Amino acid sequence: MTDPKLQPPSQDNKYTQSTSRPKVVFDPCTWISDADIEAVGFRPGSRKRGSDLVAEYTFLTCDFRTPDSALSLGLDSGNITWEEDLQKNGHVLEPRSE
C-alpha cells in the first residue's frame, strides 16, 4: 500500500502539539491487507483515504465499497479511548467482538 493517495497526513501541527496525545500509528489504509478486506465482502480496489481528522485528537480513516457498491465501510484508527468515544458518540455506537 505505497500509493501516495493512500498515505496518512502529517500529524504535526499546532493542534496536535498542544496536547499530550500520542500519534496514531495504525493506519487502516496502509496496514490492512487486500485479502482481509476481500474476506469481509468489500473490494480492495475501492480503498481510498477518508476524511482524516488531525487536531486535538486524531483519526485516520479508510473507506471501502462492496462489489456492487451498495454498502460502504469506513475504518478509523484514533488516539482517544473507548470511554471518551462512548461519552461523545455513545448514542450511535455498537460494540462488536466478532
PDB file of N, CA and C in Angstrom:
ATOM      1  N   MET A   1       0.831  -1.177   0.000  1.00  0.00           N
ATOM      2  CA  MET A   1       0.000   0.000   0.000  1.00  0.00           C
ATOM      3  C   MET A   1       0.884   1.252   0.000  1.00  0.00           C
ATOM      4  N   THR A   2       1.575   1.416  -1.067  1.00  0.00           N
ATOM      5  CA  THR A   2       2.503   2.547  -1.146  1.00  0.00           C
ATOM      6  C   THR A   2       1.985   3.685  -2.022  1.00  0.00           C
ATOM      7  N   ASP A   3       0.772   3.551  -2.548  1.00  0.00           N
ATOM      8  CA  ASP A   3       0.189   4.602  -3.375  1.00  0.00           C
ATOM      9  C   ASP A   3       0.185   5.909  -2.585  1.00  0.00           C
ATOM     10  N   PRO A   4       0.737   6.978  -3.149  1.00  0.00           N
ATOM     11  CA  PRO A   4       0.773   8.264  -2.442  1.00  0.00           C
ATOM     12  C   PRO A   4      -0.614   8.748  -2.002  1.00  0.00           C
ATOM     13  N   LYS A   5      -1.663   8.390  -2.732  1.00  0.00           N
ATOM     14  CA  LYS A   5      -3.015   8.821  -2.373  1.00  0.00           C
ATOM     15  C   LYS A   5      -3.525   8.141  -1.105  1.00  0.00           C
ATOM     16  N   LEU A   6      -2.876   7.051  -0.709  1.00  0.00           N
ATOM     17  CA  LEU A   6      -3.312   6.324   0.481  1.00  0.00           C
ATOM     18  C   LEU A   6      -2.529   6.686   1.733  1.00  0.00           C
ATOM     19  N   GLN A   7      -1.475   7.455   1.593  1.00  0.00           N
ATOM     20  CA  GLN A   7      -0.610   7.747   2.736  1.00  0.00           C
ATOM     21  C   GLN A   7      -1.305   8.696   3.719  1.00  0.00           C
ATOM     22  N   PRO A   8      -1.060   8.512   4.999  1.00  0.00           N
ATOM     23  CA  PRO A   8      -1.710   9.357   6.006  1.00  0.00           C
ATOM     24  C   PRO A   8      -1.133  10.771   6.004  1.00  0.00           C
ATOM     25  N   PRO A   9      -1.919  11.718   6.488  1.00  0.00           N
ATOM     26  CA  PRO A   9      -1.425  13.093   6.587  1.00  0.00           C
ATOM     27  C   PRO A   9      -0.422  13.232   7.731  1.00  0.00           C
ATOM     28  N   SER A  10       0.308  14.293   7.710  1.00  0.00           N
ATOM     29  CA  SER A  10       1.214  14.599   8.824  1.00  0.00           C
ATOM     30  C   SER A  10       0.390  14.814  10.085  1.00  0.00           C
ATOM     31  N   GLN A  11       0.920  14.357  11.195  1.00  0.00           N
ATOM     32  CA  GLN A  11       0.251  14.561  12.479  1.00  0.00           C
ATOM     33  C   GLN A  11       0.965  15.626  13.303  1.00  0.00           C
ATOM     34  N   ASP A  12       1.732  16.453  12.653  1.00  0.00           N
ATOM     35  CA  ASP A  12       2.453  17.534  13.329  1.00  0.00           C
ATOM     36  C   ASP A  12       1.849  18.871  12.922  1.00  0.00           C
ATOM     37  N   ASN A  13       1.074  19.464  13.809  1.00  0.00           N
ATOM     38  CA  ASN A  13       0.551  20.807  13.590  1.00  0.00           C
ATOM     39  C   ASN A  13       0.324  21.476  14.936  1.00  0.00           C
ATOM     40  N   LYS A  14      -0.119  22.705  14.928  1.00  0.00           N
ATOM     41  CA  LYS A  14      -0.247  23.443  16.188  1.00  0.00           C
ATOM     42  C   LYS A  14      -1.278  22.804  17.124  1.00  0.00           C
ATOM     43  N   TYR A  15      -2.257  22.102  16.582  1.00  0.00           N
ATOM     44  CA  TYR A  15      -3.275  21.476  17.418  1.00  0.00           C
ATOM     45  C   TYR A  15      -2.755  20.215  18.092  1.00  0.00           C
ATOM     46  N   THR A  16      -2.073  19.359  17.322  1.00  0.00           N
ATOM     47  CA  THR A  16      -1.572  18.115  17.900  1.00  0.00           C
ATOM     48  C   THR A  16      -0.443  18.394  18.886  1.00  0.00           C
ATOM     49  N   GLN A  17       0.324  19.443  18.654  1.00  0.00           N
ATOM     50  CA  GLN A  17       1.433  19.767  19.544  1.00  0.00           C
ATOM     51  C   GLN A  17       0.956  20.357  20.861  1.00  0.00           C
ATOM     52  N   SER A  18      -0.297  20.812  20.924  1.00  0.00           N
ATOM     53  CA  SER A  18      -0.817  21.409  22.154  1.00  0.00           C
ATOM     54  C   SER A  18      -1.424  20.364  23.090  1.00  0.00           C
ATOM     55  N   THR A  19      -1.394  19.092  22.698  1.00  0.00           N
ATOM     56  CA  THR A  19      -1.959  18.042  23.540  1.00  0.00           C
ATOM     57  C   THR A  19      -0.874  17.032  23.897  1.00  0.00           C
ATOM     58  N   SER A  20      -1.203  16.160  24.819  1.00  0.00           N
ATOM     59  CA  SER A  20      -0.251  15.109  25.187  1.00  0.00           C
ATOM     60  C   SER A  20      -0.641  13.769  24.566  1.00  0.00           C
ATOM     61  N   ARG A  21      -1.547  13.803  23.606  1.00  0.00           N
ATOM     62  CA  ARG A  21      -1.985  12.551  22.984  1.00  0.00           C
ATOM     63  C   ARG A  21      -0.888  12.000  22.077  1.00  0.00           C
ATOM     64  N   PRO A  22      -0.755  10.681  22.037  1.00  0.00           N
ATOM     65  CA  PRO A  22       0.236  10.071  21.146  1.00  0.00           C
ATOM     66  C   PRO A  22      -0.216  10.156  19.690  1.00  0.00           C
ATOM     67  N   LYS A  23       0.734  10.025  18.783  1.00  0.00           N
ATOM     68  CA  LYS A  23       0.396   9.956  17.369  1.00  0.00           C
ATOM     69  C   LYS A  23      -0.306   8.632  17.097  1.00  0.00           C
ATOM     70  N   VAL A  24      -1.162   8.619  16.093  1.00  0.00           N
ATOM     71  CA  VAL A  24      -1.826   7.391  15.675  1.00  0.00           C
ATOM     72  C   VAL A  24      -0.840   6.617  14.804  1.00  0.00           C
ATOM     73  N   VAL A  25      -0.537   5.394  15.186  1.00  0.00           N
ATOM     74  CA  VAL A  25       0.459   4.616  14.444  1.00  0.00           C
ATOM     75  C   VAL A  25      -0.162   3.572  13.525  1.00  0.00           C
ATOM     76  N   PHE A  26      -1.393   3.149  13.803  1.00  0.00           N
ATOM     77  CA  PHE A  26      -2.056   2.165  12.946  1.00  0.00           C
ATOM     78  C   PHE A  26      -2.899   2.909  11.915  1.00  0.00           C
ATOM     79  N   ASP A  27      -2.548   2.770  10.650  1.00  0.00           N
ATOM     80  CA  ASP A  27      -3.285   3.414   9.566  1.00  0.00           C
ATOM     81  C   ASP A  27      -4.074   2.354   8.804  1.00  0.00           C
ATOM     82  N   PRO A  28      -5.404   2.390   8.868  1.00  0.00           N
ATOM     83  CA  PRO A  28      -6.197   1.352   8.215  1.00  0.00           C
ATOM     84  C   PRO A  28      -6.043   1.317   6.690  1.00  0.00           C
ATOM     85  N   CYS A  29      -5.616   2.408   6.082  1.00  0.00           N
ATOM     86  CA  CYS A  29      -5.455   2.406   4.617  1.00  0.00           C
ATOM     87  C   CYS A  29      -4.170   1.708   4.169  1.00  0.00           C
ATOM     88  N   THR A  30      -3.185   1.667   5.025  1.00  0.00           N
ATOM     89  CA  THR A  30      -1.915   1.074   4.611  1.00  0.00           C
ATOM     90  C   THR A  30      -1.556  -0.195   5.369  1.00  0.00           C
ATOM     91  N   TRP A  31      -2.265  -0.519   6.446  1.00  0.00           N
ATOM     92  CA  TRP A  31      -1.915  -1.685   7.247  1.00  0.00           C
ATOM     93  C   TRP A  31      -2.864  -2.864   7.095  1.00  0.00           C
ATOM     94  N   ILE A  32      -4.041  -2.672   6.521  1.00  0.00           N
ATOM     95  CA  ILE A  32      -4.993  -3.771   6.370  1.00  0.00           C
ATOM     96  C   ILE A  32      -4.844  -4.346   4.968  1.00  0.00           C
ATOM     97  N   SER A  33      -4.649  -5.652   4.894  1.00  0.00           N
ATOM     98  CA  SER A  33      -4.359  -6.289   3.604  1.00  0.00           C
ATOM     99  C   SER A  33      -5.587  -6.368   2.700  1.00  0.00           C
ATOM    100  N   ASP A  34      -5.331  -6.478   1.410  1.00  0.00           N
ATOM    101  CA  ASP A  34      -6.403  -6.680   0.439  1.00  0.00           C
ATOM    102  C   ASP A  34      -7.176  -7.960   0.751  1.00  0.00           C
ATOM    103  N   ALA A  35      -6.460  -9.014   1.146  1.00  0.00           N
ATOM    104  CA  ALA A  35      -7.105 -10.291   1.460  1.00  0.00           C
ATOM    105  C   ALA A  35      -8.098 -10.134   2.615  1.00  0.00           C
ATOM    106  N   ASP A  36      -7.739  -9.374   3.633  1.00  0.00           N
ATOM    107  CA  ASP A  36      -8.644  -9.165   4.766  1.00  0.00           C
ATOM    108  C   ASP A  36      -9.887  -8.376   4.354  1.00  0.00           C
ATOM    109  N   ILE A  37      -9.701  -7.362   3.521  1.00  0.00           N
ATOM    110  CA  ILE A  37     -10.834  -6.566   3.053  1.00  0.00           C
ATOM    111  C   ILE A  37     -11.770  -7.424   2.202  1.00  0.00           C
ATOM    112  N   GLU A  38     -11.197  -8.221   1.329  1.00  0.00           N
ATOM    113  CA  GLU A  38     -11.998  -9.103   0.477  1.00  0.00           C
ATOM    114  C   GLU A  38     -12.734 -10.154   1.312  1.00  0.00           C
ATOM    115  N   ALA A  39     -12.086 -10.648   2.361  1.00  0.00           N
ATOM    116  CA  ALA A  39     -12.686 -11.679   3.217  1.00  0.00           C
ATOM    117  C   ALA A  39     -13.959 -11.200   3.913  1.00  0.00           C
ATOM    118  N   VAL A  40     -14.079  -9.902   4.128  1.00  0.00           N
ATOM    119  CA  VAL A  40     -15.284  -9.365   4.771  1.00  0.00           C
ATOM    120  C   VAL A  40     -16.262  -8.777   3.756  1.00  0.00           C
ATOM    121  N   GLY A  41     -16.036  -9.056   2.459  1.00  0.00           N
ATOM    122  CA  GLY A  41     -17.011  -8.718   1.442  1.00  0.00           C
ATOM    123  C   GLY A  41     -16.874  -7.366   0.773  1.00  0.00           C
ATOM    124  N   PHE A  42     -15.712  -6.736   0.907  1.00  0.00           N
ATOM    125  CA  PHE A  42     -15.516  -5.432   0.280  1.00  0.00           C
ATOM    126  C   PHE A  42     -14.429  -5.508  -0.791  1.00  0.00           C
ATOM    127  N   ARG A  43     -14.443  -4.575  -1.722  1.00  0.00           N
ATOM    128  CA  ARG A  43     -13.491  -4.560  -2.834  1.00  0.00           C
ATOM    129  C   ARG A  43     -12.194  -3.872  -2.420  1.00  0.00           C
ATOM    130  N   PRO A  44     -11.079  -4.585  -2.453  1.00  0.00           N
ATOM    131  CA  PRO A  44      -9.794  -3.954  -2.138  1.00  0.00           C
ATOM    132  C   PRO A  44      -9.496  -2.778  -3.074  1.00  0.00           C
ATOM    133  N   GLY A  45      -9.910  -2.866  -4.333  1.00  0.00           N
ATOM    134  CA  GLY A  45      -9.660  -1.797  -5.296  1.00  0.00           C
ATOM    135  C   GLY A  45     -10.431  -0.523  -5.025  1.00  0.00           C
ATOM    136  N   SER A  46     -11.415  -0.589  -4.116  1.00  0.00           N
ATOM    137  CA  SER A  46     -12.185   0.610  -3.776  1.00  0.00           C
ATOM    138  C   SER A  46     -11.530   1.401  -2.639  1.00  0.00           C
ATOM    139  N   ARG A  47     -10.429   0.886  -2.119  1.00  0.00           N
ATOM    140  CA  ARG A  47      -9.732   1.505  -0.985  1.00  0.00           C
ATOM    141  C   ARG A  47      -9.411   2.968  -1.296  1.00  0.00           C
ATOM    142  N   LYS A  48      -9.836   3.876  -0.407  1.00  0.00           N
ATOM    143  CA  LYS A  48      -9.448   5.282  -0.557  1.00  0.00           C
ATOM    144  C   LYS A  48      -9.378   5.951   0.802  1.00  0.00           C
ATOM    145  N   ARG A  49      -8.537   6.934   0.890  1.00  0.00           N
ATOM    146  CA  ARG A  49      -8.369   7.692   2.124  1.00  0.00           C
ATOM    147  C   ARG A  49      -9.657   8.431   2.405  1.00  0.00           C
ATOM    148  N   GLY A  50     -10.145   8.317   3.646  1.00  0.00           N
ATOM    149  CA  GLY A  50     -11.367   9.001   4.051  1.00  0.00           C
ATOM    150  C   GLY A  50     -11.061  10.401   4.547  1.00  0.00           C
ATOM    151  N   SER A  51     -11.985  10.926   5.319  1.00  0.00           N
ATOM    152  CA  SER A  51     -11.824  12.273   5.873  1.00  0.00           C
ATOM    153  C   SER A  51     -11.046  12.190   7.182  1.00  0.00           C
ATOM    154  N   ASP A  52      -9.729  12.268   7.067  1.00  0.00           N
ATOM    155  CA  ASP A  52      -8.884  12.217   8.263  1.00  0.00           C
ATOM    156  C   ASP A  52      -9.104  13.469   9.103  1.00  0.00           C
ATOM    157  N   LEU A  53      -8.948  13.302  10.413  1.00  0.00           N
ATOM    158  CA  LEU A  53      -9.046  14.419  11.346  1.00  0.00           C
ATOM    159  C   LEU A  53      -7.738  14.482  12.127  1.00  0.00           C
ATOM    160  N   VAL A  54      -7.023  15.577  12.005  1.00  0.00           N
ATOM    161  CA  VAL A  54      -5.772  15.752  12.737  1.00  0.00           C
ATOM    162  C   VAL A  54      -5.872  17.073  13.482  1.00  0.00           C
ATOM    163  N   ALA A  55      -6.218  16.975  14.766  1.00  0.00           N
ATOM    164  CA  ALA A  55      -6.410  18.167  15.595  1.00  0.00           C
ATOM    165  C   ALA A  55      -6.078  17.794  17.039  1.00  0.00           C
ATOM    166  N   GLU A  56      -6.892  18.258  17.991  1.00  0.00           N
ATOM    167  CA  GLU A  56      -6.637  17.932  19.391  1.00  0.00           C
ATOM    168  C   GLU A  56      -6.622  16.424  19.611  1.00  0.00           C
ATOM    169  N   TYR A  57      -7.373  15.706  18.822  1.00  0.00           N
ATOM    170  CA  TYR A  57      -7.283  14.248  18.728  1.00  0.00           C
ATOM    171  C   TYR A  57      -7.232  13.919  17.245  1.00  0.00           C
ATOM    172  N   THR A  58      -6.801  12.704  16.932  1.00  0.00           N
ATOM    173  CA  THR A  58      -6.575  12.333  15.536  1.00  0.00           C
ATOM    174  C   THR A  58      -7.324  11.061  15.179  1.00  0.00           C
ATOM    175  N   PHE A  59      -7.902  11.052  13.984  1.00  0.00           N
ATOM    176  CA  PHE A  59      -8.481   9.849  13.406  1.00  0.00           C
ATOM    177  C   PHE A  59      -7.985   9.724  11.972  1.00  0.00           C
ATOM    178  N   LEU A  60      -7.423   8.561  11.655  1.00  0.00           N
ATOM    179  CA  LEU A  60      -7.049   8.227  10.284  1.00  0.00           C
ATOM    180  C   LEU A  60      -8.150   7.314   9.752  1.00  0.00           C
ATOM    181  N   THR A  61      -8.646   7.601   8.555  1.00  0.00           N
ATOM    182  CA  THR A  61      -9.828   6.920   8.028  1.00  0.00           C
ATOM    183  C   THR A  61      -9.562   6.327   6.652  1.00  0.00           C
ATOM    184  N   CYS A  62     -10.102   5.131   6.430  1.00  0.00           N
ATOM    185  CA  CYS A  62     -10.016   4.490   5.124  1.00  0.00           C
ATOM    186  C   CYS A  62     -11.409   3.982   4.755  1.00  0.00           C
ATOM    187  N   ASP A  63     -11.803   4.204   3.510  1.00  0.00           N
ATOM    188  CA  ASP A  63     -13.126   3.818   3.033  1.00  0.00           C
ATOM    189  C   ASP A  63     -13.043   2.706   1.996  1.00  0.00           C
ATOM    190  N   PHE A  64     -14.052   1.811   2.015  1.00  0.00           N
ATOM    191  CA  PHE A  64     -14.153   0.696   1.081  1.00  0.00           C
ATOM    192  C   PHE A  64     -15.595   0.566   0.623  1.00  0.00           C
ATOM    193  N   ARG A  65     -15.817  -0.086  -0.531  1.00  0.00           N
ATOM    194  CA  ARG A  65     -17.153  -0.352  -1.071  1.00  0.00           C
ATOM    195  C   ARG A  65     -17.295  -1.846  -1.360  1.00  0.00           C
ATOM    196  N   THR A  66     -18.535  -2.330  -1.354  1.00  0.00           N
ATOM    197  CA  THR A  66     -18.803  -3.713  -1.749  1.00  0.00           C
ATOM    198  C   THR A  66     -18.719  -3.815  -3.272  1.00  0.00           C
ATOM    199  N   PRO A  67     -18.624  -5.048  -3.806  1.00  0.00           N
ATOM    200  CA  PRO A  67     -18.529  -5.209  -5.258  1.00  0.00           C
ATOM    201  C   PRO A  67     -19.655  -4.521  -6.032  1.00  0.00           C
ATOM    202  N   ASP A  68     -20.873  -4.498  -5.479  1.00  0.00           N
ATOM    203  CA  ASP A  68     -21.987  -3.835  -6.166  1.00  0.00           C
ATOM    204  C   ASP A  68     -22.141  -2.367  -5.744  1.00  0.00           C
ATOM    205  N   SER A  69     -21.221  -1.890  -4.909  1.00  0.00           N
ATOM    206  CA  SER A  69     -21.218  -0.511  -4.389  1.00  0.00           C
ATOM    207  C   SER A  69     -22.456  -0.169  -3.563  1.00  0.00           C
ATOM    208  N   ALA A  70     -23.179  -1.180  -3.108  1.00  0.00           N
ATOM    209  CA  ALA A  70     -24.376  -0.940  -2.307  1.00  0.00           C
ATOM    210  C   ALA A  70     -24.043  -0.552  -0.867  1.00  0.00           C
ATOM    211  N   LEU A  71     -22.896  -1.030  -0.364  1.00  0.00           N
ATOM    212  CA  LEU A  71     -22.504  -0.742   1.012  1.00  0.00           C
ATOM    213  C   LEU A  71     -21.122  -0.121   1.043  1.00  0.00           C
ATOM    214  N   SER A  72     -20.909   0.706   2.055  1.00  0.00           N
ATOM    215  CA  SER A  72     -19.579   1.266   2.260  1.00  0.00           C
ATOM    216  C   SER A  72     -19.125   0.938   3.682  1.00  0.00           C
ATOM    217  N   LEU A  73     -17.830   0.921   3.845  1.00  0.00           N
ATOM    218  CA  LEU A  73     -17.212   0.639   5.139  1.00  0.00           C
ATOM    219  C   LEU A  73     -16.164   1.697   5.397  1.00  0.00           C
ATOM    220  N   GLY A  74     -16.265   2.365   6.517  1.00  0.00           N
ATOM    221  CA  GLY A  74     -15.254   3.334   6.930  1.00  0.00           C
ATOM    222  C   GLY A  74     -14.541   2.815   8.155  1.00  0.00           C
ATOM    223  N   LEU A  75     -13.236   2.645   8.060  1.00  0.00           N
ATOM    224  CA  LEU A  75     -12.434   2.168   9.187  1.00  0.00           C
ATOM    225  C   LEU A  75     -11.627   3.330   9.747  1.00  0.00           C
ATOM    226  N   ASP A  76     -11.716   3.519  11.053  1.00  0.00           N
ATOM    227  CA  ASP A  76     -10.998   4.594  11.728  1.00  0.00           C
ATOM    228  C   ASP A  76      -9.975   4.031  12.700  1.00  0.00           C
ATOM    229  N   SER A  77      -8.893   4.756  12.839  1.00  0.00           N
ATOM    230  CA  SER A  77      -7.913   4.483  13.881  1.00  0.00           C
ATOM    231  C   SER A  77      -7.638   5.817  14.551  1.00  0.00           C
ATOM    232  N   GLY A  78      -7.784   5.861  15.872  1.00  0.00           N
ATOM    233  CA  GLY A  78      -7.651   7.136  16.557  1.00  0.00           C
ATOM    234  C   GLY A  78      -6.889   7.049  17.856  1.00  0.00           C
ATOM    235  N   ASN A  79      -6.714   8.205  18.465  1.00  0.00           N
ATOM    236  CA  ASN A  79      -5.971   8.262  19.715  1.00  0.00           C
ATOM    237  C   ASN A  79      -6.819   8.782  20.878  1.00  0.00           C
ATOM    238  N   ILE A  80      -8.093   8.379  20.880  1.00  0.00           N
ATOM    239  CA  ILE A  80      -8.928   8.618  22.053  1.00  0.00           C
ATOM    240  C   ILE A  80      -9.314   7.259  22.626  1.00  0.00           C
ATOM    241  N   THR A  81      -9.716   7.240  23.857  1.00  0.00           N
ATOM    242  CA  THR A  81     -10.095   5.977  24.493  1.00  0.00           C
ATOM    243  C   THR A  81     -11.532   5.616  24.129  1.00  0.00           C
ATOM    244  N   TRP A  82     -11.863   4.343  24.305  1.00  0.00           N
ATOM    245  CA  TRP A  82     -13.233   3.896  24.063  1.00  0.00           C
ATOM    246  C   TRP A  82     -14.194   4.663  24.971  1.00  0.00           C
ATOM    247  N   GLU A  83     -13.804   4.916  26.214  1.00  0.00           N
ATOM    248  CA  GLU A  83     -14.661   5.634  27.148  1.00  0.00           C
ATOM    249  C   GLU A  83     -14.936   7.054  26.659  1.00  0.00           C
ATOM    250  N   GLU A  84     -13.909   7.740  26.129  1.00  0.00           N
ATOM    251  CA  GLU A  84     -14.115   9.084  25.574  1.00  0.00           C
ATOM    252  C   GLU A  84     -15.080   9.048  24.393  1.00  0.00           C
ATOM    253  N   ASP A  85     -14.923   8.041  23.547  1.00  0.00           N
ATOM    254  CA  ASP A  85     -15.793   7.908  22.383  1.00  0.00           C
ATOM    255  C   ASP A  85     -17.231   7.637  22.818  1.00  0.00           C
ATOM    256  N   LEU A  86     -17.411   6.780  23.814  1.00  0.00           N
ATOM    257  CA  LEU A  86     -18.754   6.492  24.314  1.00  0.00           C
ATOM    258  C   LEU A  86     -19.422   7.739  24.874  1.00  0.00           C
ATOM    259  N   GLN A  87     -18.666   8.568  25.601  1.00  0.00           N
ATOM    260  CA  GLN A  87     -19.227   9.792  26.167  1.00  0.00           C
ATOM    261  C   GLN A  87     -19.731  10.720  25.070  1.00  0.00           C
ATOM    262  N   LYS A  88     -18.985  10.817  23.992  1.00  0.00           N
ATOM    263  CA  LYS A  88     -19.360  11.742  22.921  1.00  0.00           C
ATOM    264  C   LYS A  88     -20.354  11.134  21.937  1.00  0.00           C
ATOM    265  N   ASN A  89     -20.162   9.868  21.572  1.00  0.00           N
ATOM    266  CA  ASN A  89     -20.941   9.259  20.487  1.00  0.00           C
ATOM    267  C   ASN A  89     -21.706   8.011  20.889  1.00  0.00           C
ATOM    268  N   GLY A  90     -21.837   7.742  22.162  1.00  0.00           N
ATOM    269  CA  GLY A  90     -22.447   6.509  22.636  1.00  0.00           C
ATOM    270  C   GLY A  90     -23.822   6.221  22.075  1.00  0.00           C
ATOM    271  N   HIS A  91     -24.565   7.234  21.740  1.00  0.00           N
ATOM    272  CA  HIS A  91     -25.919   7.034  21.229  1.00  0.00           C
ATOM    273  C   HIS A  91     -25.938   6.410  19.831  1.00  0.00           C
ATOM    274  N   VAL A  92     -24.803   6.391  19.133  1.00  0.00           N
ATOM    275  CA  VAL A  92     -24.772   5.802  17.796  1.00  0.00           C
ATOM    276  C   VAL A  92     -23.765   4.663  17.665  1.00  0.00           C
ATOM    277  N   LEU A  93     -23.099   4.285  18.757  1.00  0.00           N
ATOM    278  CA  LEU A  93     -22.065   3.243  18.700  1.00  0.00           C
ATOM    279  C   LEU A  93     -22.620   1.880  19.063  1.00  0.00           C
ATOM    280  N   GLU A  94     -22.101   0.863  18.381  1.00  0.00           N
ATOM    281  CA  GLU A  94     -22.454  -0.520  18.695  1.00  0.00           C
ATOM    282  C   GLU A  94     -21.181  -1.340  18.780  1.00  0.00           C
ATOM    283  N   PRO A  95     -20.756  -1.714  19.983  1.00  0.00           N
ATOM    284  CA  PRO A  95     -19.536  -2.526  20.110  1.00  0.00           C
ATOM    285  C   PRO A  95     -19.703  -3.884  19.420  1.00  0.00           C
ATOM    286  N   ARG A  96     -18.662  -4.351  18.767  1.00  0.00           N
ATOM    287  CA  ARG A  96     -18.667  -5.654  18.100  1.00  0.00           C
ATOM    288  C   ARG A  96     -17.456  -6.427  18.557  1.00  0.00           C
ATOM    289  N   SER A  97     -17.628  -7.730  18.729  1.00  0.00           N
ATOM    290  CA  SER A  97     -16.488  -8.584  19.096  1.00  0.00           C
ATOM    291  C   SER A  97     -16.545  -9.869  18.296  1.00  0.00           C
ATOM    292  N   GLU A  98     -16.694  -9.748  17.010  1.00  0.00           N
ATOM    293  CA  GLU A  98     -16.802 -10.925  16.144  1.00  0.00           C
ATOM    294  C   GLU A  98     -15.472 -11.290  15.563  1.00  0.00           C
TER     295      GLU A  98
END
